[in-house]
C-alpha cells in the first residue's frame, strides 16, 4: 500500500472533534475523539471508537454507557487537554466543568450539545474497539460551529 496516499486520502475526510465521557471514579473520565458517526435512525444509534489500551475502555465496558459532547469551534485547548494519554496525564479531566447525565456520564458544560448512549455492541477493530450505542438522551446547550480536525490542525491518521 502507498502509505502517503493512504494518509492523504484519510485527511480528506471531514471530522469534528468531540469528547467522549464515561462514568467512573472521581467524576468520570473523558477523551477527545474524532471517529464518531450516526449509525441508525430507529432506534437512534451512533458509533465511536476507543483505543484498545485507553483508560476509558474498561470504564465503558463496566458501565455500559458513554456520552458524546460536541466541542465548539475555538475549543482547541480543551480538545488537546483531553486528547492526552491518561498514563502520562492522569488528572487531564480534573477541572473540566461537567454535570452528571441520566446515564451517569459527565456532560461537559462548555460543549455545544451532547448525546447519552447505552452500549449495544462492540467489535475489535485492531488498534481500537468500535462501540455501537443507542441514544437515550440528548441536549443542546447553545448554537455554534463544531470544532473540526482541520481547524484544530490535529493529525491522527494512520
N, C-alpha and C. Protein backbone atom coordinates (compact mmCIF):
# COMPACT_ATOMS: atom_id res chain seq x y z
N UNK A 1 0.85 -1.18 0.00
CA UNK A 1 0.00 0.00 0.00
C UNK A 1 0.89 1.24 0.00
N UNK A 2 0.46 2.24 -0.69
CA UNK A 2 1.15 3.52 -0.72
C UNK A 2 0.75 4.28 0.57
N UNK A 3 1.62 4.30 1.55
CA UNK A 3 1.32 4.90 2.86
C UNK A 3 1.00 6.39 2.74
N UNK A 4 1.72 7.10 1.91
CA UNK A 4 1.47 8.53 1.75
C UNK A 4 0.11 8.79 1.12
N UNK A 5 -0.26 7.99 0.14
CA UNK A 5 -1.58 8.13 -0.49
C UNK A 5 -2.68 7.84 0.54
N UNK A 6 -2.48 6.80 1.35
CA UNK A 6 -3.47 6.47 2.39
C UNK A 6 -3.67 7.65 3.33
N UNK A 7 -2.57 8.23 3.82
CA UNK A 7 -2.67 9.37 4.74
C UNK A 7 -3.33 10.56 4.05
N UNK A 8 -2.98 10.81 2.82
CA UNK A 8 -3.55 11.94 2.08
C UNK A 8 -5.06 11.79 1.94
N UNK A 9 -5.50 10.60 1.55
CA UNK A 9 -6.94 10.37 1.38
C UNK A 9 -7.67 10.43 2.73
N UNK A 10 -7.10 9.84 3.79
CA UNK A 10 -7.75 9.91 5.10
C UNK A 10 -7.88 11.35 5.59
N UNK A 11 -6.94 12.19 5.24
CA UNK A 11 -7.01 13.60 5.64
C UNK A 11 -8.07 14.36 4.86
N UNK A 12 -8.61 13.77 3.81
CA UNK A 12 -9.70 14.39 3.06
C UNK A 12 -11.05 14.19 3.76
N UNK A 13 -11.14 13.24 4.68
CA UNK A 13 -12.38 13.01 5.41
C UNK A 13 -12.63 14.19 6.34
N UNK A 14 -13.88 14.58 6.47
CA UNK A 14 -14.26 15.65 7.39
C UNK A 14 -14.54 15.06 8.76
N UNK A 15 -13.82 15.52 9.77
CA UNK A 15 -14.00 15.05 11.13
C UNK A 15 -14.26 16.23 12.05
N UNK A 16 -15.20 16.07 12.95
CA UNK A 16 -15.37 17.01 14.05
C UNK A 16 -14.74 16.39 15.28
N UNK A 17 -14.29 17.23 16.19
CA UNK A 17 -13.73 16.74 17.44
C UNK A 17 -14.81 16.77 18.51
N UNK A 18 -14.90 15.68 19.25
CA UNK A 18 -15.85 15.55 20.34
C UNK A 18 -15.11 15.03 21.56
N UNK A 19 -15.77 15.10 22.70
CA UNK A 19 -15.23 14.47 23.90
C UNK A 19 -16.19 13.36 24.28
N UNK A 20 -15.66 12.15 24.34
CA UNK A 20 -16.44 11.00 24.80
C UNK A 20 -16.20 10.89 26.30
N UNK A 21 -17.27 10.79 27.07
CA UNK A 21 -17.15 10.67 28.51
C UNK A 21 -17.80 9.39 28.99
N UNK A 22 -17.28 8.90 30.11
CA UNK A 22 -17.79 7.68 30.74
C UNK A 22 -17.80 7.90 32.25
N UNK A 23 -18.74 7.27 32.95
CA UNK A 23 -18.74 7.38 34.41
C UNK A 23 -17.54 6.63 34.99
N UNK A 24 -17.14 7.05 36.16
CA UNK A 24 -16.03 6.38 36.83
C UNK A 24 -15.67 7.11 38.10
N UNK A 25 -14.61 6.66 38.74
CA UNK A 25 -14.18 7.31 39.99
C UNK A 25 -13.85 8.78 39.78
N UNK A 26 -14.02 9.56 40.81
CA UNK A 26 -13.67 10.98 40.78
C UNK A 26 -14.39 11.76 39.69
N UNK A 27 -15.65 11.44 39.43
CA UNK A 27 -16.43 12.21 38.47
C UNK A 27 -16.39 11.70 37.05
N UNK A 28 -15.65 10.63 36.79
CA UNK A 28 -15.63 10.05 35.46
C UNK A 28 -14.38 10.40 34.68
N UNK A 29 -14.45 10.11 33.40
CA UNK A 29 -13.29 10.24 32.53
C UNK A 29 -13.75 10.70 31.16
N UNK A 30 -12.86 11.35 30.43
CA UNK A 30 -13.19 11.78 29.08
C UNK A 30 -11.97 11.78 28.19
N UNK A 31 -12.22 11.62 26.90
CA UNK A 31 -11.13 11.66 25.93
C UNK A 31 -11.63 12.29 24.64
N UNK A 32 -10.71 12.92 23.93
CA UNK A 32 -11.03 13.54 22.65
C UNK A 32 -11.10 12.46 21.57
N UNK A 33 -12.13 12.55 20.75
CA UNK A 33 -12.33 11.57 19.68
C UNK A 33 -12.71 12.29 18.40
N UNK A 34 -12.46 11.62 17.30
CA UNK A 34 -12.88 12.16 16.02
C UNK A 34 -13.60 11.12 15.16
N UNK A 35 -13.54 9.87 15.53
CA UNK A 35 -14.20 8.82 14.76
C UNK A 35 -15.57 8.55 15.38
N UNK A 36 -16.54 9.36 15.01
CA UNK A 36 -17.91 9.28 15.51
C UNK A 36 -18.84 9.35 14.31
N UNK A 37 -19.86 8.52 14.30
CA UNK A 37 -20.79 8.53 13.17
C UNK A 37 -22.19 8.15 13.63
N UNK A 38 -23.19 8.75 12.99
CA UNK A 38 -24.56 8.29 13.17
C UNK A 38 -24.65 6.95 12.46
N UNK A 39 -25.27 5.97 13.11
CA UNK A 39 -25.29 4.63 12.54
C UNK A 39 -26.68 4.12 12.21
N UNK A 40 -27.72 4.68 12.83
CA UNK A 40 -29.09 4.24 12.55
C UNK A 40 -30.07 5.33 12.98
N UNK A 41 -31.22 5.34 12.30
CA UNK A 41 -32.29 6.29 12.66
C UNK A 41 -33.19 5.72 13.75
N UNK A 42 -33.60 4.47 13.60
CA UNK A 42 -34.58 3.89 14.52
C UNK A 42 -34.19 2.48 14.90
N UNK A 43 -33.80 2.24 16.13
CA UNK A 43 -33.60 3.26 17.15
C UNK A 43 -32.38 4.11 16.81
N UNK A 44 -32.33 5.33 17.35
CA UNK A 44 -31.19 6.20 17.04
C UNK A 44 -29.89 5.61 17.62
N UNK A 45 -28.90 5.43 16.74
CA UNK A 45 -27.63 4.85 17.18
C UNK A 45 -26.46 5.61 16.58
N UNK A 46 -25.36 5.59 17.33
CA UNK A 46 -24.10 6.18 16.89
C UNK A 46 -22.99 5.17 17.13
N UNK A 47 -21.88 5.36 16.44
CA UNK A 47 -20.71 4.52 16.67
C UNK A 47 -19.52 5.40 17.02
N UNK A 48 -18.68 4.87 17.89
CA UNK A 48 -17.46 5.56 18.32
C UNK A 48 -16.35 4.52 18.39
N UNK A 49 -15.12 5.00 18.50
CA UNK A 49 -14.00 4.11 18.74
C UNK A 49 -13.25 4.54 19.99
N UNK A 50 -12.61 3.55 20.60
CA UNK A 50 -11.78 3.76 21.79
C UNK A 50 -10.48 3.02 21.53
N UNK A 51 -9.36 3.66 21.82
CA UNK A 51 -8.08 2.96 21.68
C UNK A 51 -8.08 1.74 22.59
N UNK A 52 -7.51 0.66 22.10
CA UNK A 52 -7.55 -0.63 22.80
C UNK A 52 -6.85 -0.60 24.16
N UNK A 53 -5.95 0.35 24.37
CA UNK A 53 -5.26 0.43 25.66
C UNK A 53 -5.67 1.67 26.47
N UNK A 54 -6.81 2.27 26.12
CA UNK A 54 -7.25 3.51 26.78
C UNK A 54 -7.88 3.25 28.14
N UNK A 55 -7.74 4.22 29.02
CA UNK A 55 -8.37 4.16 30.34
C UNK A 55 -9.88 4.06 30.22
N UNK A 56 -10.46 4.66 29.20
CA UNK A 56 -11.92 4.67 29.04
C UNK A 56 -12.50 3.30 28.71
N UNK A 57 -11.70 2.43 28.11
CA UNK A 57 -12.24 1.15 27.64
C UNK A 57 -12.83 0.30 28.77
N UNK A 58 -12.11 0.01 29.85
CA UNK A 58 -12.74 -0.79 30.92
C UNK A 58 -13.89 -0.05 31.61
N UNK A 59 -13.80 1.28 31.70
CA UNK A 59 -14.89 2.05 32.30
C UNK A 59 -16.16 1.95 31.46
N UNK A 60 -16.01 2.00 30.14
CA UNK A 60 -17.16 1.89 29.24
C UNK A 60 -17.76 0.49 29.30
N UNK A 61 -16.90 -0.51 29.32
CA UNK A 61 -17.39 -1.89 29.39
C UNK A 61 -18.11 -2.14 30.71
N UNK A 62 -17.58 -1.63 31.81
CA UNK A 62 -18.18 -1.84 33.12
C UNK A 62 -19.52 -1.12 33.26
N UNK A 63 -19.58 0.13 32.79
CA UNK A 63 -20.80 0.93 32.96
C UNK A 63 -21.84 0.65 31.88
N UNK A 64 -21.39 0.29 30.69
CA UNK A 64 -22.30 0.06 29.58
C UNK A 64 -22.89 1.32 28.99
N UNK A 65 -22.26 2.47 29.26
CA UNK A 65 -22.77 3.75 28.75
C UNK A 65 -21.60 4.65 28.34
N UNK A 66 -21.92 5.63 27.51
CA UNK A 66 -20.97 6.68 27.16
C UNK A 66 -21.77 7.89 26.69
N UNK A 67 -21.11 9.04 26.70
CA UNK A 67 -21.72 10.27 26.19
C UNK A 67 -20.77 10.89 25.17
N UNK A 68 -21.36 11.57 24.20
CA UNK A 68 -20.60 12.30 23.18
C UNK A 68 -20.91 13.78 23.38
N UNK A 69 -19.89 14.56 23.65
CA UNK A 69 -20.00 16.00 23.86
C UNK A 69 -19.37 16.72 22.67
N UNK A 70 -20.14 17.51 21.95
CA UNK A 70 -19.65 18.17 20.74
C UNK A 70 -18.92 19.46 21.13
N UNK A 71 -17.64 19.53 20.77
CA UNK A 71 -16.85 20.72 21.06
C UNK A 71 -17.17 21.83 20.07
N UNK A 72 -16.99 23.06 20.52
CA UNK A 72 -17.26 24.23 19.69
C UNK A 72 -15.98 24.73 19.04
N UNK A 73 -16.12 25.32 17.88
CA UNK A 73 -15.01 25.98 17.23
C UNK A 73 -14.32 26.89 18.24
N UNK A 74 -13.01 26.82 18.30
CA UNK A 74 -12.26 27.62 19.25
C UNK A 74 -11.88 26.86 20.52
N UNK A 75 -12.38 25.65 20.71
CA UNK A 75 -12.07 24.88 21.92
C UNK A 75 -10.89 23.91 21.69
N UNK A 76 -9.93 24.34 20.91
CA UNK A 76 -8.77 23.51 20.60
C UNK A 76 -8.01 23.13 21.87
N UNK A 77 -7.86 24.07 22.79
CA UNK A 77 -7.10 23.80 24.01
C UNK A 77 -7.75 22.67 24.81
N UNK A 78 -9.07 22.70 24.95
CA UNK A 78 -9.77 21.64 25.68
C UNK A 78 -9.62 20.30 24.96
N UNK A 79 -9.74 20.31 23.63
CA UNK A 79 -9.56 19.09 22.85
C UNK A 79 -8.15 18.52 23.06
N UNK A 80 -7.16 19.40 23.08
CA UNK A 80 -5.79 18.96 23.30
C UNK A 80 -5.57 18.41 24.69
N UNK A 81 -6.14 19.08 25.69
CA UNK A 81 -6.01 18.63 27.08
C UNK A 81 -6.59 17.22 27.24
N UNK A 82 -7.78 17.00 26.71
CA UNK A 82 -8.44 15.71 26.88
C UNK A 82 -7.93 14.66 25.89
N UNK A 83 -7.14 15.09 24.92
CA UNK A 83 -6.55 14.17 23.97
C UNK A 83 -5.25 13.55 24.47
N UNK A 84 -4.76 14.01 25.60
CA UNK A 84 -3.52 13.46 26.16
C UNK A 84 -3.76 12.06 26.71
N UNK A 85 -2.71 11.28 26.78
CA UNK A 85 -2.78 9.92 27.33
C UNK A 85 -2.94 9.99 28.84
N UNK A 86 -3.84 9.21 29.38
CA UNK A 86 -4.08 9.19 30.83
C UNK A 86 -2.88 8.66 31.60
N UNK A 87 -2.10 7.80 30.96
CA UNK A 87 -0.91 7.26 31.65
C UNK A 87 0.08 8.37 31.98
N UNK A 88 0.21 9.35 31.10
CA UNK A 88 1.16 10.44 31.34
C UNK A 88 0.49 11.68 31.93
N UNK A 89 -0.82 11.78 31.82
CA UNK A 89 -1.58 12.91 32.36
C UNK A 89 -2.82 12.37 33.10
N UNK A 90 -2.61 11.73 34.26
CA UNK A 90 -3.74 11.07 34.93
C UNK A 90 -4.85 12.01 35.40
N UNK A 91 -4.55 13.29 35.53
CA UNK A 91 -5.56 14.24 36.01
C UNK A 91 -6.11 15.12 34.89
N UNK A 92 -6.02 14.69 33.64
CA UNK A 92 -6.40 15.53 32.50
C UNK A 92 -7.86 15.96 32.53
N UNK A 93 -8.73 15.21 33.18
CA UNK A 93 -10.15 15.54 33.24
C UNK A 93 -10.49 16.44 34.44
N UNK A 94 -9.54 16.58 35.36
CA UNK A 94 -9.75 17.42 36.55
C UNK A 94 -9.98 18.87 36.14
N UNK A 95 -10.97 19.50 36.74
CA UNK A 95 -11.24 20.90 36.48
C UNK A 95 -12.07 21.17 35.24
N UNK A 96 -12.48 20.13 34.52
CA UNK A 96 -13.33 20.31 33.35
C UNK A 96 -14.77 20.41 33.85
N UNK A 97 -15.44 21.56 33.64
CA UNK A 97 -16.80 21.73 34.17
C UNK A 97 -17.77 20.73 33.52
N UNK A 98 -18.40 19.92 34.37
CA UNK A 98 -19.32 18.89 33.88
C UNK A 98 -20.40 18.64 34.93
N UNK A 99 -21.48 18.05 34.46
CA UNK A 99 -22.56 17.61 35.35
C UNK A 99 -22.94 16.20 34.94
N UNK A 100 -23.45 15.39 35.88
CA UNK A 100 -23.83 14.03 35.52
C UNK A 100 -25.12 14.02 34.70
N UNK A 101 -25.13 13.17 33.67
CA UNK A 101 -26.33 12.99 32.87
C UNK A 101 -27.19 11.88 33.43
N UNK A 102 -28.25 11.53 32.71
CA UNK A 102 -29.15 10.47 33.17
C UNK A 102 -28.45 9.11 33.22
N UNK A 103 -27.40 8.92 32.42
CA UNK A 103 -26.65 7.67 32.42
C UNK A 103 -25.52 7.67 33.45
N UNK A 104 -25.28 8.81 34.09
CA UNK A 104 -24.16 8.94 34.99
C UNK A 104 -22.90 9.44 34.32
N UNK A 105 -22.94 9.58 33.00
CA UNK A 105 -21.78 10.11 32.27
C UNK A 105 -21.62 11.59 32.56
N UNK A 106 -20.39 12.07 32.70
CA UNK A 106 -20.18 13.51 32.81
C UNK A 106 -20.55 14.18 31.49
N UNK A 107 -21.30 15.27 31.57
CA UNK A 107 -21.68 16.06 30.40
C UNK A 107 -20.98 17.40 30.51
N UNK A 108 -20.19 17.74 29.52
CA UNK A 108 -19.40 18.97 29.55
C UNK A 108 -20.31 20.19 29.44
N UNK A 109 -20.18 21.09 30.40
CA UNK A 109 -21.00 22.30 30.41
C UNK A 109 -20.62 23.25 29.28
N UNK A 110 -19.39 23.16 28.79
CA UNK A 110 -18.93 24.05 27.73
C UNK A 110 -19.13 23.48 26.32
N UNK A 111 -19.73 22.30 26.21
CA UNK A 111 -19.97 21.69 24.89
C UNK A 111 -21.18 22.34 24.23
N UNK A 112 -21.26 22.22 22.91
CA UNK A 112 -22.44 22.70 22.19
C UNK A 112 -23.66 21.86 22.50
N UNK A 113 -23.47 20.57 22.63
CA UNK A 113 -24.55 19.65 22.89
C UNK A 113 -23.99 18.28 23.19
N UNK A 114 -24.87 17.35 23.50
CA UNK A 114 -24.42 16.02 23.90
C UNK A 114 -25.46 14.96 23.53
N UNK A 115 -24.97 13.73 23.43
CA UNK A 115 -25.79 12.54 23.30
C UNK A 115 -25.36 11.58 24.40
N UNK A 116 -26.32 11.00 25.09
CA UNK A 116 -26.01 9.94 26.05
C UNK A 116 -26.45 8.62 25.45
N UNK A 117 -25.60 7.61 25.59
CA UNK A 117 -25.84 6.35 24.89
C UNK A 117 -25.64 5.14 25.81
N UNK A 118 -26.42 4.10 25.51
CA UNK A 118 -26.22 2.78 26.12
C UNK A 118 -25.54 1.91 25.08
N UNK A 119 -24.51 1.20 25.52
CA UNK A 119 -23.76 0.34 24.61
C UNK A 119 -24.65 -0.80 24.14
N UNK A 120 -24.72 -0.99 22.83
CA UNK A 120 -25.49 -2.08 22.23
C UNK A 120 -24.59 -3.16 21.66
N UNK A 121 -23.31 -2.83 21.45
CA UNK A 121 -22.38 -3.83 20.93
C UNK A 121 -21.00 -3.25 20.78
N UNK A 122 -20.03 -4.16 20.63
CA UNK A 122 -18.65 -3.74 20.40
C UNK A 122 -17.99 -4.72 19.45
N UNK A 123 -16.95 -4.24 18.79
CA UNK A 123 -16.24 -5.03 17.80
C UNK A 123 -14.76 -4.68 17.87
N UNK A 124 -13.91 -5.69 17.92
CA UNK A 124 -12.47 -5.48 17.87
C UNK A 124 -12.14 -4.85 16.52
N UNK A 125 -11.43 -3.73 16.56
CA UNK A 125 -11.06 -3.03 15.33
C UNK A 125 -9.55 -2.78 15.30
N UNK A 126 -8.78 -3.78 15.66
CA UNK A 126 -7.32 -3.65 15.63
C UNK A 126 -6.82 -2.76 16.75
N UNK A 127 -6.30 -1.58 16.41
CA UNK A 127 -5.76 -0.66 17.41
C UNK A 127 -6.86 -0.02 18.26
N UNK A 128 -8.12 -0.19 17.85
CA UNK A 128 -9.26 0.40 18.54
C UNK A 128 -10.35 -0.64 18.76
N UNK A 129 -11.32 -0.26 19.57
CA UNK A 129 -12.54 -1.04 19.75
C UNK A 129 -13.68 -0.15 19.28
N UNK A 130 -14.51 -0.69 18.42
CA UNK A 130 -15.66 0.04 17.88
C UNK A 130 -16.88 -0.26 18.75
N UNK A 131 -17.55 0.79 19.22
CA UNK A 131 -18.75 0.63 20.03
C UNK A 131 -19.95 1.18 19.29
N UNK A 132 -21.05 0.48 19.38
CA UNK A 132 -22.33 0.93 18.87
C UNK A 132 -23.17 1.30 20.09
N UNK A 133 -23.71 2.52 20.08
CA UNK A 133 -24.50 2.98 21.22
C UNK A 133 -25.87 3.47 20.79
N UNK A 134 -26.89 3.12 21.57
CA UNK A 134 -28.23 3.63 21.34
C UNK A 134 -28.40 4.94 22.10
N UNK A 135 -28.82 5.97 21.41
CA UNK A 135 -29.01 7.28 22.02
C UNK A 135 -30.23 7.22 22.93
N UNK A 136 -30.02 7.54 24.22
CA UNK A 136 -31.12 7.51 25.19
C UNK A 136 -31.47 8.91 25.71
N UNK A 137 -30.61 9.88 25.45
CA UNK A 137 -30.85 11.25 25.87
C UNK A 137 -30.00 12.17 25.01
N UNK A 138 -30.50 13.38 24.81
CA UNK A 138 -29.77 14.37 24.01
C UNK A 138 -30.06 15.76 24.55
N UNK A 139 -29.12 16.66 24.37
CA UNK A 139 -29.33 18.03 24.80
C UNK A 139 -28.50 19.00 23.99
N UNK A 140 -29.05 20.19 23.78
CA UNK A 140 -28.34 21.28 23.11
C UNK A 140 -28.13 22.37 24.14
N UNK A 141 -26.88 22.76 24.33
CA UNK A 141 -26.57 23.83 25.30
C UNK A 141 -26.61 25.20 24.63
N UNK A 142 -26.18 25.27 23.37
CA UNK A 142 -26.20 26.53 22.63
C UNK A 142 -25.89 26.23 21.17
N UNK A 143 -26.14 27.20 20.33
CA UNK A 143 -25.83 27.08 18.91
C UNK A 143 -24.37 27.48 18.69
N UNK A 144 -23.76 26.92 17.68
CA UNK A 144 -22.38 27.26 17.35
C UNK A 144 -21.86 26.32 16.28
N UNK A 145 -20.64 26.57 15.88
CA UNK A 145 -19.99 25.75 14.86
C UNK A 145 -19.10 24.72 15.57
N UNK A 146 -19.22 23.43 15.21
CA UNK A 146 -18.38 22.41 15.84
C UNK A 146 -16.90 22.59 15.49
N UNK A 147 -16.05 22.21 16.40
CA UNK A 147 -14.60 22.22 16.20
C UNK A 147 -14.23 21.09 15.24
N UNK A 148 -13.48 21.41 14.22
CA UNK A 148 -13.07 20.40 13.25
C UNK A 148 -11.59 20.05 13.43
N UNK A 149 -11.23 18.88 12.92
CA UNK A 149 -9.82 18.49 12.91
C UNK A 149 -9.01 19.50 12.10
N UNK A 150 -9.59 19.97 11.02
CA UNK A 150 -8.89 20.93 10.16
C UNK A 150 -8.58 22.22 10.93
N UNK A 151 -9.59 22.74 11.64
CA UNK A 151 -9.36 23.97 12.42
C UNK A 151 -8.33 23.75 13.51
N UNK A 152 -8.44 22.63 14.22
CA UNK A 152 -7.53 22.36 15.34
C UNK A 152 -6.12 22.04 14.86
N UNK A 153 -6.00 21.69 13.58
CA UNK A 153 -4.72 21.28 13.00
C UNK A 153 -4.12 20.08 13.71
N UNK A 154 -5.00 19.16 14.15
CA UNK A 154 -4.57 17.91 14.75
C UNK A 154 -4.31 16.91 13.63
N UNK A 155 -3.42 15.99 13.86
CA UNK A 155 -3.13 14.91 12.92
C UNK A 155 -3.29 13.58 13.67
N UNK A 156 -4.23 12.79 13.23
CA UNK A 156 -4.46 11.48 13.84
C UNK A 156 -4.86 10.52 12.72
N UNK A 157 -3.95 10.26 11.84
CA UNK A 157 -4.21 9.43 10.69
C UNK A 157 -3.11 8.38 10.59
N UNK A 158 -3.50 7.12 10.53
CA UNK A 158 -2.54 6.02 10.50
C UNK A 158 -1.81 5.84 9.21
